[in-house]
Amino acid sequence: MIELIHPEKSNVSKSDIKAKLAQTLKAKEENISIFGLKTKFGGGRSTGFALLYDSLDARKKYDSKKMLRRVSPRLPSQRTFSRPLAGLGES
C-alpha cells in the first residue's frame, strides 16, 4: 500500500508515481503495477496499491489480464459476426 502526499497538486498521475517508485526502489518502470488510487477529499493526499515484480515475464504471468491490457497498446479487435451486417454482407 502506498500513501502519497502532494500538497500543491489535486492528484498525481500513475506515470509520475511509477517513475518515482522506480527511482526509489531501483527498478524498471515496466515491472511496477499501480492500481486503486483514491484521492482524499480536499486533495493533497492519496492512497493506493503498487506491486513490484522481478521481471516483465513475472508480471505477465502473475498480473491480472485487466491490468496488462491497461498498459499494453490497443490492438484492433478480431470480432466475428454471426450474420452479415446490413449493407456489408452478401445479398
Protein backbone atom coordinates (compact mmCIF):
# COMPACT_ATOMS: atom_id res chain seq x y z
CA MET A 1 0.00 0.00 0.00
CA ILE A 2 1.30 3.45 -0.86
CA GLU A 3 0.35 6.78 0.63
CA LEU A 4 1.15 9.90 -1.32
CA ILE A 5 1.28 13.44 -0.02
CA HIS A 6 1.01 16.08 -2.74
CA PRO A 7 0.06 19.47 -1.24
CA GLU A 8 0.39 21.55 -4.43
CA LYS A 9 -1.45 19.13 -6.72
CA SER A 10 -5.00 17.84 -6.73
CA ASN A 11 -3.84 14.39 -7.83
CA VAL A 12 -0.78 12.63 -9.27
CA SER A 13 -0.62 10.61 -12.48
CA LYS A 14 0.27 6.93 -12.45
CA SER A 15 3.23 7.55 -14.73
CA ASP A 16 4.68 10.06 -12.24
CA ILE A 17 4.20 7.57 -9.41
CA LYS A 18 5.85 4.78 -11.43
CA ALA A 19 8.82 6.99 -12.24
CA LYS A 20 9.32 7.98 -8.60
CA LEU A 21 8.93 4.37 -7.33
CA ALA A 22 11.32 3.08 -10.00
CA GLN A 23 13.90 5.65 -8.96
CA THR A 24 13.43 4.98 -5.24
CA LEU A 25 13.40 1.17 -5.48
CA LYS A 26 15.96 0.97 -8.32
CA ALA A 27 13.60 -1.00 -10.54
CA LYS A 28 12.30 -0.72 -14.09
CA GLU A 29 9.01 1.13 -14.63
CA GLU A 30 7.53 -1.74 -16.67
CA ASN A 31 7.85 -4.05 -13.63
CA ILE A 32 5.61 -1.83 -11.47
CA SER A 33 1.83 -2.13 -11.39
CA ILE A 34 -0.20 0.66 -9.76
CA PHE A 35 -3.94 0.45 -9.07
CA GLY A 36 -6.70 1.52 -6.70
CA LEU A 37 -5.67 5.15 -6.28
CA LYS A 38 -8.10 7.16 -4.17
CA THR A 39 -7.72 10.88 -3.52
CA LYS A 40 -8.82 12.11 -0.11
CA PHE A 41 -11.49 14.80 -0.01
CA GLY A 42 -9.87 18.20 -0.41
CA GLY A 43 -6.83 16.83 -2.27
CA GLY A 44 -3.28 16.76 -1.07
CA ARG A 45 -3.24 13.10 -0.06
CA SER A 46 -3.88 9.86 -1.96
CA THR A 47 -3.68 6.16 -1.18
CA GLY A 48 -3.39 3.16 -3.45
CA PHE A 49 -1.61 -0.08 -4.17
CA ALA A 50 1.61 -0.83 -6.04
CA LEU A 51 3.05 -4.20 -6.98
CA LEU A 52 6.70 -4.66 -7.92
CA TYR A 53 7.61 -7.71 -10.00
CA ASP A 54 11.07 -9.24 -10.50
CA SER A 55 10.83 -9.15 -14.29
CA LEU A 56 8.45 -8.39 -17.12
CA ASP A 57 7.88 -12.14 -17.59
CA ALA A 58 6.81 -12.46 -13.95
CA ARG A 59 4.42 -9.55 -14.37
CA LYS A 60 2.87 -11.14 -17.46
CA LYS A 61 2.48 -14.41 -15.55
CA TYR A 62 1.03 -13.13 -12.27
CA ASP A 63 -0.65 -9.79 -13.01
CA SER A 64 -4.35 -9.80 -13.94
CA LYS A 65 -5.34 -9.61 -17.60
CA LYS A 66 -7.19 -6.37 -16.95
CA MET A 67 -4.05 -4.69 -15.61
CA LEU A 68 -1.96 -5.96 -18.53
CA ARG A 69 -4.50 -4.63 -21.06
CA ARG A 70 -4.34 -1.26 -19.34
CA VAL A 71 -0.64 -0.80 -20.09
CA SER A 72 -0.31 -2.63 -23.41
CA PRO A 73 -1.05 -0.92 -26.72
CA ARG A 74 -4.56 -1.44 -28.01
CA LEU A 75 -4.86 -3.91 -30.84
CA PRO A 76 -7.75 -3.89 -33.33
CA SER A 77 -10.40 -6.35 -32.28
CA GLN A 78 -10.84 -9.60 -34.17
CA ARG A 79 -14.62 -9.55 -33.84
CA THR A 80 -16.67 -12.01 -35.87
CA PHE A 81 -20.36 -11.59 -36.55
CA SER A 82 -22.88 -14.40 -36.68
CA ARG A 83 -24.75 -12.72 -39.54
CA PRO A 84 -23.64 -10.20 -42.12
CA LEU A 85 -24.12 -6.55 -41.24
CA ALA A 86 -26.65 -4.54 -43.22
CA GLY A 87 -25.10 -3.41 -46.49
CA LEU A 88 -21.80 -5.20 -45.89
CA GLY A 89 -22.73 -8.82 -46.41
CA GLU A 90 -23.98 -10.95 -49.22
CA SER A 91 -27.22 -10.01 -51.00
